[in-house]
Amino acid sequence: MSFRLEDGDVIHNRLELKGRRKELRNNATPAERMLWGALQHSNLDGYKFRRQHSVGAYILDFYCPSERLAVELDGDSHFTDEAMAYDQARTGFLNSLDIRVLRFLNTDVYDNLDVVCERILEELKSNNLTTP
């Protein structure tokens, strides 16, 4: 499904990212697979999530379109200065489109999946944008 901006540009699930989205789905990290098990089939209080959904040039780990919420999982590669700057720019871009971003460490998912799901549910029911 593609969505267009007022000027006609596709912003969601751009065709040129389709192969990369599929590759990421097929090679999901263990944490992504674990969280997807909790989110798929509207398991989280009836909210529908997509995995590896693209917005602009970015591919989101998980996205709830009805609530405009992105859920991102961060492993060790996210802790370099370059990666942190990239994540901050990405969050700023998404926030500019009124998409909230919620980030978790992979270890949060492994150690506290129920707490992660509770936090996602809290955010789904709130109206606050997460600042970068």
N, C-alpha and C. Protein backbone atom coordinates (compact mmCIF):
# COMPACT_ATOMS: atom_id res chain seq x y z
N MET A 1 0.85 -1.17 0.00
CA MET A 1 0.00 0.00 0.00
C MET A 1 0.90 1.24 0.00
N SER A 2 0.63 2.15 -0.90
CA SER A 2 1.41 3.38 -1.00
C SER A 2 0.54 4.57 -0.65
N PHE A 3 1.14 5.54 -0.01
CA PHE A 3 0.45 6.77 0.33
C PHE A 3 1.18 7.92 -0.32
N ARG A 4 0.47 8.96 -0.71
CA ARG A 4 1.07 10.07 -1.43
C ARG A 4 0.98 11.36 -0.63
N LEU A 5 2.00 12.19 -0.79
CA LEU A 5 1.99 13.53 -0.24
C LEU A 5 1.15 14.41 -1.15
N GLU A 6 0.89 15.63 -0.72
CA GLU A 6 0.09 16.55 -1.53
C GLU A 6 0.68 16.76 -2.92
N ASP A 7 2.02 16.74 -3.04
CA ASP A 7 2.65 16.97 -4.35
C ASP A 7 2.69 15.70 -5.20
N GLY A 8 2.09 14.59 -4.71
CA GLY A 8 2.02 13.36 -5.49
C GLY A 8 3.13 12.37 -5.20
N ASP A 9 4.15 12.77 -4.43
CA ASP A 9 5.24 11.84 -4.11
C ASP A 9 4.74 10.76 -3.15
N VAL A 10 5.15 9.54 -3.43
CA VAL A 10 4.83 8.42 -2.54
C VAL A 10 5.72 8.53 -1.32
N ILE A 11 5.13 8.43 -0.13
CA ILE A 11 5.91 8.55 1.11
C ILE A 11 5.98 7.19 1.83
N HIS A 12 4.92 6.40 1.77
CA HIS A 12 4.88 5.11 2.45
C HIS A 12 5.12 3.98 1.44
N ASN A 13 5.96 3.02 1.85
CA ASN A 13 6.22 1.81 1.07
C ASN A 13 6.56 2.10 -0.39
N ARG A 14 7.58 2.94 -0.56
CA ARG A 14 8.05 3.28 -1.90
C ARG A 14 8.53 2.03 -2.62
N LEU A 15 8.19 1.94 -3.88
CA LEU A 15 8.49 0.76 -4.68
C LEU A 15 9.97 0.42 -4.70
N GLU A 16 10.83 1.44 -4.75
CA GLU A 16 12.27 1.16 -4.82
C GLU A 16 12.82 0.54 -3.53
N LEU A 17 12.06 0.57 -2.44
CA LEU A 17 12.51 -0.05 -1.19
C LEU A 17 11.88 -1.42 -0.95
N LYS A 18 11.05 -1.89 -1.87
CA LYS A 18 10.33 -3.15 -1.68
C LYS A 18 11.28 -4.32 -1.44
N GLY A 19 12.33 -4.44 -2.25
CA GLY A 19 13.28 -5.53 -2.08
C GLY A 19 13.98 -5.49 -0.74
N ARG A 20 14.37 -4.30 -0.32
CA ARG A 20 15.06 -4.15 0.97
C ARG A 20 14.12 -4.47 2.13
N ARG A 21 12.84 -4.04 2.03
CA ARG A 21 11.86 -4.37 3.07
C ARG A 21 11.71 -5.89 3.20
N LYS A 22 11.61 -6.56 2.06
CA LYS A 22 11.45 -8.01 2.05
C LYS A 22 12.68 -8.69 2.65
N GLU A 23 13.86 -8.21 2.27
CA GLU A 23 15.11 -8.76 2.80
C GLU A 23 15.16 -8.63 4.32
N LEU A 24 14.76 -7.46 4.83
CA LEU A 24 14.77 -7.24 6.28
C LEU A 24 13.74 -8.13 6.98
N ARG A 25 12.58 -8.34 6.37
CA ARG A 25 11.59 -9.24 6.96
C ARG A 25 12.12 -10.66 7.01
N ASN A 26 12.76 -11.09 5.93
CA ASN A 26 13.26 -12.46 5.85
C ASN A 26 14.48 -12.69 6.74
N ASN A 27 15.17 -11.63 7.12
CA ASN A 27 16.37 -11.75 7.95
C ASN A 27 16.21 -10.98 9.26
N ALA A 28 15.04 -11.06 9.84
CA ALA A 28 14.75 -10.35 11.08
C ALA A 28 15.67 -10.83 12.20
N THR A 29 16.00 -9.90 13.09
CA THR A 29 16.81 -10.27 14.25
C THR A 29 15.94 -11.10 15.21
N PRO A 30 16.57 -11.85 16.10
CA PRO A 30 15.78 -12.60 17.08
C PRO A 30 14.83 -11.69 17.89
N ALA A 31 15.29 -10.50 18.25
CA ALA A 31 14.43 -9.58 19.01
C ALA A 31 13.24 -9.14 18.17
N GLU A 32 13.48 -8.86 16.88
CA GLU A 32 12.37 -8.47 16.00
C GLU A 32 11.36 -9.61 15.86
N ARG A 33 11.84 -10.83 15.72
CA ARG A 33 10.93 -11.98 15.60
C ARG A 33 10.11 -12.15 16.88
N MET A 34 10.77 -11.96 18.00
CA MET A 34 10.10 -12.12 19.29
C MET A 34 9.00 -11.05 19.46
N LEU A 35 9.33 -9.79 19.18
CA LEU A 35 8.33 -8.73 19.31
C LEU A 35 7.23 -8.89 18.28
N TRP A 36 7.58 -9.29 17.06
CA TRP A 36 6.56 -9.47 16.03
C TRP A 36 5.54 -10.53 16.46
N GLY A 37 5.98 -11.55 17.17
CA GLY A 37 5.05 -12.56 17.69
C GLY A 37 4.00 -11.95 18.61
N ALA A 38 4.38 -10.90 19.31
CA ALA A 38 3.45 -10.24 20.23
C ALA A 38 2.57 -9.21 19.52
N LEU A 39 3.03 -8.69 18.38
CA LEU A 39 2.30 -7.63 17.68
C LEU A 39 1.43 -8.12 16.53
N GLN A 40 1.84 -9.21 15.89
CA GLN A 40 1.12 -9.64 14.68
C GLN A 40 -0.30 -10.10 14.99
N HIS A 41 -1.11 -10.14 13.97
CA HIS A 41 -2.52 -10.57 14.07
C HIS A 41 -3.31 -9.71 15.05
N SER A 42 -2.92 -8.45 15.19
CA SER A 42 -3.61 -7.52 16.10
C SER A 42 -3.64 -8.05 17.53
N ASN A 43 -2.59 -8.78 17.92
CA ASN A 43 -2.52 -9.39 19.25
C ASN A 43 -2.45 -8.36 20.38
N LEU A 44 -1.96 -7.17 20.09
CA LEU A 44 -1.80 -6.16 21.14
C LEU A 44 -3.05 -5.28 21.19
N ASP A 45 -4.02 -5.73 21.95
CA ASP A 45 -5.25 -4.97 22.19
C ASP A 45 -5.97 -4.58 20.90
N GLY A 46 -5.82 -5.37 19.85
CA GLY A 46 -6.52 -5.12 18.60
C GLY A 46 -5.84 -4.16 17.64
N TYR A 47 -4.69 -3.61 18.02
CA TYR A 47 -3.98 -2.68 17.14
C TYR A 47 -3.25 -3.45 16.05
N LYS A 48 -3.39 -2.99 14.81
CA LYS A 48 -2.73 -3.62 13.67
C LYS A 48 -1.36 -3.00 13.44
N PHE A 49 -0.36 -3.86 13.33
CA PHE A 49 1.00 -3.43 13.05
C PHE A 49 1.47 -4.02 11.73
N ARG A 50 2.36 -3.28 11.09
CA ARG A 50 3.08 -3.77 9.92
C ARG A 50 4.54 -3.87 10.32
N ARG A 51 5.26 -4.78 9.71
CA ARG A 51 6.70 -4.85 9.98
C ARG A 51 7.45 -4.46 8.71
N GLN A 52 8.59 -3.83 8.92
CA GLN A 52 9.44 -3.36 7.82
C GLN A 52 8.61 -2.52 6.84
N HIS A 53 7.97 -1.51 7.39
CA HIS A 53 7.16 -0.55 6.63
C HIS A 53 8.03 0.67 6.37
N SER A 54 8.06 1.13 5.12
CA SER A 54 8.92 2.29 4.83
C SER A 54 8.11 3.58 4.83
N VAL A 55 8.78 4.62 5.32
CA VAL A 55 8.25 5.99 5.29
C VAL A 55 9.39 6.85 4.78
N GLY A 56 9.17 7.48 3.63
CA GLY A 56 10.26 8.20 2.99
C GLY A 56 11.37 7.21 2.67
N ALA A 57 12.59 7.58 3.00
CA ALA A 57 13.75 6.72 2.73
C ALA A 57 14.02 5.75 3.88
N TYR A 58 13.22 5.79 4.93
CA TYR A 58 13.48 4.99 6.13
C TYR A 58 12.57 3.75 6.18
N ILE A 59 13.13 2.66 6.66
CA ILE A 59 12.35 1.44 6.86
C ILE A 59 12.20 1.24 8.36
N LEU A 60 10.96 1.23 8.81
CA LEU A 60 10.65 1.10 10.23
C LEU A 60 10.54 -0.37 10.61
N ASP A 61 10.99 -0.71 11.80
CA ASP A 61 10.87 -2.09 12.26
C ASP A 61 9.40 -2.48 12.33
N PHE A 62 8.60 -1.66 13.01
CA PHE A 62 7.17 -1.92 13.17
C PHE A 62 6.42 -0.60 13.08
N TYR A 63 5.22 -0.65 12.51
CA TYR A 63 4.44 0.58 12.34
C TYR A 63 2.97 0.27 12.53
N CYS A 64 2.31 1.07 13.37
CA CYS A 64 0.86 1.00 13.57
C CYS A 64 0.25 2.19 12.82
N PRO A 65 -0.30 1.97 11.63
CA PRO A 65 -0.78 3.10 10.83
C PRO A 65 -1.94 3.86 11.47
N SER A 66 -2.84 3.18 12.16
CA SER A 66 -4.00 3.87 12.72
C SER A 66 -3.60 4.88 13.78
N GLU A 67 -2.53 4.61 14.51
CA GLU A 67 -2.08 5.51 15.58
C GLU A 67 -0.80 6.25 15.22
N ARG A 68 -0.28 6.00 14.01
CA ARG A 68 0.93 6.68 13.53
C ARG A 68 2.08 6.51 14.53
N LEU A 69 2.30 5.23 14.91
CA LEU A 69 3.34 4.91 15.88
C LEU A 69 4.36 3.96 15.25
N ALA A 70 5.63 4.36 15.29
CA ALA A 70 6.73 3.50 14.86
C ALA A 70 7.39 2.92 16.10
N VAL A 71 7.72 1.64 16.05
CA VAL A 71 8.43 0.98 17.13
C VAL A 71 9.75 0.47 16.54
N GLU A 72 10.84 0.92 17.13
CA GLU A 72 12.18 0.59 16.66
C GLU A 72 12.93 -0.20 17.72
N LEU A 73 13.66 -1.22 17.28
CA LEU A 73 14.51 -2.00 18.18
C LEU A 73 15.96 -1.68 17.87
N ASP A 74 16.72 -1.44 18.90
CA ASP A 74 18.13 -1.05 18.75
C ASP A 74 19.05 -2.09 19.34
N GLY A 75 19.99 -2.53 18.51
CA GLY A 75 21.07 -3.40 18.95
C GLY A 75 22.34 -2.59 19.08
N ASP A 76 23.45 -3.29 19.22
CA ASP A 76 24.74 -2.64 19.44
C ASP A 76 25.11 -1.64 18.35
N SER A 77 24.70 -1.88 17.12
CA SER A 77 25.09 -1.00 16.01
C SER A 77 24.50 0.41 16.14
N HIS A 78 23.54 0.60 17.01
CA HIS A 78 22.90 1.91 17.17
C HIS A 78 23.64 2.83 18.14
N PHE A 79 24.74 2.38 18.71
CA PHE A 79 25.39 3.16 19.77
C PHE A 79 26.65 3.88 19.33
N THR A 80 26.90 3.94 18.04
CA THR A 80 28.01 4.76 17.54
C THR A 80 27.50 6.19 17.39
N ASP A 81 28.41 7.15 17.35
CA ASP A 81 28.00 8.54 17.17
C ASP A 81 27.24 8.72 15.87
N GLU A 82 27.73 8.07 14.82
CA GLU A 82 27.09 8.19 13.50
C GLU A 82 25.67 7.60 13.53
N ALA A 83 25.52 6.45 14.14
CA ALA A 83 24.20 5.81 14.20
C ALA A 83 23.23 6.61 15.06
N MET A 84 23.72 7.18 16.15
CA MET A 84 22.85 7.99 17.01
C MET A 84 22.39 9.24 16.28
N ALA A 85 23.27 9.86 15.50
CA ALA A 85 22.89 11.04 14.71
C ALA A 85 21.86 10.65 13.64
N TYR A 86 22.06 9.51 13.00
CA TYR A 86 21.12 9.01 11.99
C TYR A 86 19.75 8.77 12.62
N ASP A 87 19.73 8.09 13.77
CA ASP A 87 18.47 7.81 14.46
C ASP A 87 17.77 9.10 14.87
N GLN A 88 18.53 10.10 15.30
CA GLN A 88 17.93 11.38 15.68
C GLN A 88 17.31 12.07 14.46
N ALA A 89 18.01 12.06 13.34
CA ALA A 89 17.48 12.67 12.12
C ALA A 89 16.23 11.92 11.66
N ARG A 90 16.28 10.62 11.74
CA ARG A 90 15.15 9.77 11.35
C ARG A 90 13.93 10.08 12.21
N THR A 91 14.13 10.15 13.52
CA THR A 91 13.02 10.47 14.43
C THR A 91 12.46 11.86 14.13
N GLY A 92 13.33 12.82 13.87
CA GLY A 92 12.87 14.16 13.53
C GLY A 92 12.03 14.16 12.27
N PHE A 93 12.47 13.44 11.25
CA PHE A 93 11.70 13.33 10.00
C PHE A 93 10.34 12.71 10.27
N LEU A 94 10.31 11.61 11.00
CA LEU A 94 9.04 10.93 11.29
C LEU A 94 8.12 11.81 12.12
N ASN A 95 8.67 12.48 13.12
CA ASN A 95 7.86 13.39 13.94
C ASN A 95 7.28 14.51 13.09
N SER A 96 8.03 14.97 12.06
CA SER A 96 7.52 16.04 11.19
C SER A 96 6.30 15.58 10.40
N LEU A 97 6.12 14.26 10.28
CA LEU A 97 4.95 13.68 9.62
C LEU A 97 3.90 13.23 10.63
N ASP A 98 4.07 13.67 11.88
CA ASP A 98 3.19 13.30 12.99
C ASP A 98 3.20 11.80 13.26
N ILE A 99 4.36 11.20 13.07
CA ILE A 99 4.55 9.79 13.44
C ILE A 99 5.39 9.76 14.71
N ARG A 100 4.84 9.14 15.74
CA ARG A 100 5.57 9.00 17.00
C ARG A 100 6.56 7.85 16.87
N VAL A 101 7.66 7.94 17.59
CA VAL A 101 8.69 6.90 17.55
C VAL A 101 8.98 6.43 18.97
N LEU A 102 8.93 5.13 19.14
CA LEU A 102 9.21 4.51 20.41
C LEU A 102 10.37 3.53 20.19
N ARG A 103 11.43 3.67 20.99
CA ARG A 103 12.63 2.85 20.80
C ARG A 103 12.84 1.95 22.02
N PHE A 104 13.30 0.74 21.73
CA PHE A 104 13.65 -0.21 22.77
C PHE A 104 14.97 -0.87 22.41
N LEU A 105 15.71 -1.28 23.42
CA LEU A 105 16.90 -2.09 23.21
C LEU A 105 16.47 -3.54 22.94
N ASN A 106 17.25 -4.24 22.15
CA ASN A 106 16.97 -5.66 21.94
C ASN A 106 16.89 -6.39 23.27
N THR A 107 17.77 -6.04 24.21
CA THR A 107 17.77 -6.71 25.51
C THR A 107 16.47 -6.47 26.27
N ASP A 108 15.82 -5.31 26.06
CA ASP A 108 14.52 -5.06 26.68
C ASP A 108 13.51 -6.11 26.23
N VAL A 109 13.54 -6.41 24.93
CA VAL A 109 12.60 -7.40 24.38
C VAL A 109 12.90 -8.78 24.95
N TYR A 110 14.19 -9.15 24.99
CA TYR A 110 14.55 -10.47 25.51
C TYR A 110 14.19 -10.63 26.98
N ASP A 111 14.48 -9.60 27.77
CA ASP A 111 14.34 -9.70 29.22
C ASP A 111 12.97 -9.32 29.75
N ASN A 112 12.24 -8.45 29.03
CA ASN A 112 10.99 -7.90 29.56
C ASN A 112 9.96 -7.68 28.47
N LEU A 113 9.65 -8.69 27.68
CA LEU A 113 8.71 -8.53 26.57
C LEU A 113 7.36 -7.99 27.04
N ASP A 114 6.87 -8.46 28.17
CA ASP A 114 5.58 -7.98 28.67
C ASP A 114 5.63 -6.48 28.98
N VAL A 115 6.73 -6.02 29.56
CA VAL A 115 6.88 -4.60 29.89
C VAL A 115 6.97 -3.78 28.60
N VAL A 116 7.68 -4.29 27.60
CA VAL A 116 7.78 -3.61 26.31
C VAL A 116 6.38 -3.47 25.70
N CYS A 117 5.62 -4.54 25.71
CA CYS A 117 4.27 -4.49 25.15
C CYS A 117 3.36 -3.53 25.91
N GLU A 118 3.50 -3.50 27.24
CA GLU A 118 2.72 -2.56 28.05
C GLU A 118 3.08 -1.12 27.69
N ARG A 119 4.36 -0.85 27.49
CA ARG A 119 4.81 0.50 27.13
C ARG A 119 4.30 0.90 25.74
N ILE A 120 4.32 -0.04 24.80
CA ILE A 120 3.79 0.24 23.47
C ILE A 120 2.30 0.56 23.57
N LEU A 121 1.59 -0.20 24.35
CA LEU A 121 0.16 0.03 24.53
C LEU A 121 -0.12 1.40 25.14
N GLU A 122 0.68 1.80 26.13
CA GLU A 122 0.55 3.14 26.72
C GLU A 122 0.73 4.21 25.65
N GLU A 123 1.74 4.05 24.82
CA GLU A 123 2.02 5.04 23.77
C GLU A 123 0.93 5.06 22.72
N LEU A 124 0.39 3.89 22.39
CA LEU A 124 -0.71 3.83 21.42
C LEU A 124 -1.91 4.63 21.89
N LYS A 125 -2.11 4.66 23.19
CA LYS A 125 -3.28 5.34 23.75
C LYS A 125 -3.02 6.79 24.10
N SER A 126 -1.78 7.27 23.90
CA SER A 126 -1.46 8.67 24.19
C SER A 126 -1.42 9.44 22.88
N ASN A 127 -1.25 10.74 22.99
CA ASN A 127 -1.21 11.60 21.80
C ASN A 127 0.07 12.41 21.71
N ASN A 128 1.13 11.98 22.37
CA ASN A 128 2.35 12.78 22.42
C ASN A 128 3.37 12.32 21.39
N LEU A 129 3.97 13.28 20.69
CA LEU A 129 5.09 12.97 19.81
C LEU A 129 6.34 12.79 20.66
N THR A 130 7.14 11.80 20.32
CA THR A 130 8.42 11.60 20.98
C THR A 130 9.43 12.53 20.33
N THR A 131 10.12 13.31 21.12
CA THR A 131 11.11 14.23 20.55
C THR A 131 12.42 13.51 20.33
N PRO A 132 13.15 13.91 19.31
CA PRO A 132 14.43 13.24 19.02
C PRO A 132 15.47 13.48 20.10
